Amino acid sequence: MPAFDAILAARREAGLTQAEVAERMGTKAPAVARLEQALVTGRPSPSLATLNRYARALGKKLEVRLV
């Protein structure tokens, strides 16, 4: 599974709405919607800091590896 697909799947698996993730991130639901859309389209590319905040909001840890 591509990394961005895994990130989006993690929210569904956590059973959280965009609004709930936004609250945990300290932002608004439309910002999370834009972030998720960016993950799908690749435009604009979210920063690692933003992806890390998203992961933490889901109770996950973001790891970046070059293998």
N, C-alpha and C. Protein backbone atom coordinates (compact mmCIF):
# COMPACT_ATOMS: atom_id res chain seq x y z
N MET A 1 0.86 -1.18 0.00
CA MET A 1 0.00 0.00 0.00
C MET A 1 0.90 1.24 0.00
N PRO A 2 0.66 2.18 -0.93
CA PRO A 2 1.44 3.42 -0.92
C PRO A 2 1.29 4.16 0.41
N ALA A 3 2.33 4.90 0.76
CA ALA A 3 2.37 5.57 2.07
C ALA A 3 1.16 6.47 2.29
N PHE A 4 0.79 7.26 1.29
CA PHE A 4 -0.33 8.18 1.48
C PHE A 4 -1.64 7.43 1.66
N ASP A 5 -1.80 6.30 0.98
CA ASP A 5 -3.00 5.48 1.18
C ASP A 5 -3.05 4.95 2.60
N ALA A 6 -1.91 4.57 3.13
CA ALA A 6 -1.85 4.07 4.51
C ALA A 6 -2.23 5.16 5.50
N ILE A 7 -1.81 6.38 5.22
CA ILE A 7 -2.14 7.50 6.11
C ILE A 7 -3.65 7.72 6.12
N LEU A 8 -4.27 7.71 4.95
CA LEU A 8 -5.71 7.91 4.88
C LEU A 8 -6.47 6.74 5.51
N ALA A 9 -5.98 5.53 5.30
CA ALA A 9 -6.62 4.36 5.88
C ALA A 9 -6.55 4.39 7.40
N ALA A 10 -5.49 4.97 7.94
CA ALA A 10 -5.33 5.02 9.40
C ALA A 10 -6.46 5.79 10.06
N ARG A 11 -6.93 6.87 9.42
CA ARG A 11 -8.05 7.63 10.00
C ARG A 11 -9.32 6.79 10.00
N ARG A 12 -9.56 6.10 8.90
CA ARG A 12 -10.76 5.25 8.84
C ARG A 12 -10.68 4.14 9.89
N GLU A 13 -9.50 3.53 10.02
CA GLU A 13 -9.33 2.46 11.01
C GLU A 13 -9.51 2.97 12.43
N ALA A 14 -9.11 4.22 12.67
CA ALA A 14 -9.25 4.82 14.00
C ALA A 14 -10.70 5.20 14.28
N GLY A 15 -11.54 5.21 13.23
CA GLY A 15 -12.95 5.56 13.40
C GLY A 15 -13.17 7.03 13.72
N LEU A 16 -12.25 7.88 13.23
CA LEU A 16 -12.34 9.31 13.51
C LEU A 16 -12.85 10.07 12.29
N THR A 17 -13.62 11.11 12.55
CA THR A 17 -14.06 12.00 11.48
C THR A 17 -12.97 13.03 11.23
N GLN A 18 -13.10 13.74 10.12
CA GLN A 18 -12.16 14.82 9.85
C GLN A 18 -12.24 15.87 10.95
N ALA A 19 -13.43 16.14 11.46
CA ALA A 19 -13.59 17.13 12.52
C ALA A 19 -12.88 16.69 13.80
N GLU A 20 -12.95 15.42 14.11
CA GLU A 20 -12.27 14.91 15.31
C GLU A 20 -10.75 14.98 15.16
N VAL A 21 -10.26 14.66 13.98
CA VAL A 21 -8.82 14.76 13.73
C VAL A 21 -8.40 16.22 13.82
N ALA A 22 -9.20 17.10 13.22
CA ALA A 22 -8.89 18.53 13.25
C ALA A 22 -8.80 19.04 14.69
N GLU A 23 -9.73 18.65 15.52
CA GLU A 23 -9.71 19.09 16.92
C GLU A 23 -8.43 18.63 17.60
N ARG A 24 -8.04 17.41 17.35
CA ARG A 24 -6.81 16.87 17.96
C ARG A 24 -5.56 17.56 17.42
N MET A 25 -5.64 18.04 16.17
CA MET A 25 -4.51 18.74 15.56
C MET A 25 -4.49 20.22 15.91
N GLY A 26 -5.59 20.71 16.47
CA GLY A 26 -5.67 22.13 16.78
C GLY A 26 -5.98 22.98 15.56
N THR A 27 -6.77 22.42 14.65
CA THR A 27 -7.14 23.13 13.43
C THR A 27 -8.62 22.88 13.15
N LYS A 28 -9.07 23.24 11.97
CA LYS A 28 -10.48 23.09 11.58
C LYS A 28 -10.63 21.94 10.57
N ALA A 29 -11.84 21.39 10.51
CA ALA A 29 -12.12 20.27 9.60
C ALA A 29 -11.78 20.57 8.14
N PRO A 30 -12.07 21.78 7.62
CA PRO A 30 -11.71 22.04 6.22
C PRO A 30 -10.20 21.92 5.96
N ALA A 31 -9.38 22.22 6.96
CA ALA A 31 -7.93 22.08 6.80
C ALA A 31 -7.55 20.61 6.67
N VAL A 32 -8.21 19.75 7.44
CA VAL A 32 -7.94 18.31 7.34
C VAL A 32 -8.44 17.79 6.00
N ALA A 33 -9.58 18.28 5.54
CA ALA A 33 -10.09 17.88 4.23
C ALA A 33 -9.10 18.26 3.13
N ARG A 34 -8.54 19.47 3.21
CA ARG A 34 -7.55 19.90 2.21
C ARG A 34 -6.29 19.03 2.29
N LEU A 35 -5.87 18.71 3.52
CA LEU A 35 -4.70 17.85 3.71
C LEU A 35 -4.94 16.49 3.06
N GLU A 36 -6.08 15.89 3.33
CA GLU A 36 -6.38 14.57 2.77
C GLU A 36 -6.49 14.64 1.24
N GLN A 37 -7.04 15.72 0.73
CA GLN A 37 -7.12 15.88 -0.73
C GLN A 37 -5.71 16.00 -1.31
N ALA A 38 -4.84 16.71 -0.62
CA ALA A 38 -3.45 16.85 -1.07
C ALA A 38 -2.74 15.50 -1.07
N LEU A 39 -3.09 14.63 -0.12
CA LEU A 39 -2.49 13.30 -0.09
C LEU A 39 -2.90 12.49 -1.32
N VAL A 40 -4.12 12.71 -1.78
CA VAL A 40 -4.63 11.98 -2.95
C VAL A 40 -4.03 12.54 -4.24
N THR A 41 -4.01 13.87 -4.36
CA THR A 41 -3.59 14.49 -5.61
C THR A 41 -2.09 14.78 -5.68
N GLY A 42 -1.46 14.90 -4.51
CA GLY A 42 -0.05 15.27 -4.49
C GLY A 42 0.19 16.75 -4.67
N ARG A 43 -0.89 17.54 -4.66
CA ARG A 43 -0.77 18.99 -4.83
C ARG A 43 -1.61 19.71 -3.82
N PRO A 44 -1.09 20.58 -3.02
CA PRO A 44 0.33 20.72 -2.73
C PRO A 44 0.79 19.59 -1.85
N SER A 45 2.07 19.36 -1.79
CA SER A 45 2.61 18.29 -0.95
C SER A 45 2.64 18.75 0.50
N PRO A 46 2.02 18.00 1.41
CA PRO A 46 2.05 18.38 2.82
C PRO A 46 3.46 18.25 3.38
N SER A 47 3.78 19.10 4.34
CA SER A 47 5.09 19.04 4.98
C SER A 47 5.15 17.83 5.90
N LEU A 48 6.36 17.41 6.22
CA LEU A 48 6.53 16.31 7.17
C LEU A 48 5.98 16.70 8.54
N ALA A 49 6.13 17.96 8.91
CA ALA A 49 5.60 18.42 10.20
C ALA A 49 4.08 18.25 10.24
N THR A 50 3.40 18.60 9.16
CA THR A 50 1.95 18.45 9.10
C THR A 50 1.55 16.98 9.13
N LEU A 51 2.25 16.16 8.38
CA LEU A 51 1.95 14.73 8.39
C LEU A 51 2.19 14.13 9.77
N ASN A 52 3.20 14.62 10.47
CA ASN A 52 3.48 14.14 11.82
C ASN A 52 2.35 14.52 12.77
N ARG A 53 1.85 15.75 12.66
CA ARG A 53 0.72 16.18 13.50
C ARG A 53 -0.52 15.33 13.21
N TYR A 54 -0.75 15.03 11.94
CA TYR A 54 -1.89 14.20 11.53
C TYR A 54 -1.74 12.81 12.14
N ALA A 55 -0.55 12.23 12.02
CA ALA A 55 -0.31 10.89 12.57
C ALA A 55 -0.53 10.88 14.08
N ARG A 56 0.00 11.87 14.78
CA ARG A 56 -0.17 11.94 16.24
C ARG A 56 -1.64 12.07 16.61
N ALA A 57 -2.41 12.81 15.81
CA ALA A 57 -3.85 12.96 16.07
C ALA A 57 -4.57 11.62 15.97
N LEU A 58 -3.99 10.70 15.20
CA LEU A 58 -4.57 9.36 15.04
C LEU A 58 -4.01 8.37 16.04
N GLY A 59 -3.10 8.85 16.90
CA GLY A 59 -2.46 7.95 17.85
C GLY A 59 -1.39 7.09 17.19
N LYS A 60 -0.87 7.58 16.08
CA LYS A 60 0.16 6.86 15.32
C LYS A 60 1.48 7.62 15.38
N LYS A 61 2.51 6.98 14.86
CA LYS A 61 3.83 7.57 14.78
C LYS A 61 4.25 7.59 13.32
N LEU A 62 4.71 8.73 12.84
CA LEU A 62 5.17 8.84 11.46
C LEU A 62 6.65 8.48 11.41
N GLU A 63 6.99 7.55 10.55
CA GLU A 63 8.38 7.17 10.32
C GLU A 63 8.68 7.32 8.84
N VAL A 64 9.80 7.94 8.54
CA VAL A 64 10.24 8.09 7.15
C VAL A 64 11.49 7.25 6.99
N ARG A 65 11.48 6.38 6.00
CA ARG A 65 12.62 5.50 5.76
C ARG A 65 13.03 5.56 4.30
N LEU A 66 14.30 5.45 4.11
CA LEU A 66 14.85 5.30 2.77
C LEU A 66 15.52 3.95 2.75
N VAL A 67 14.99 3.03 1.98
CA VAL A 67 15.47 1.65 2.00
C VAL A 67 16.16 1.32 0.69
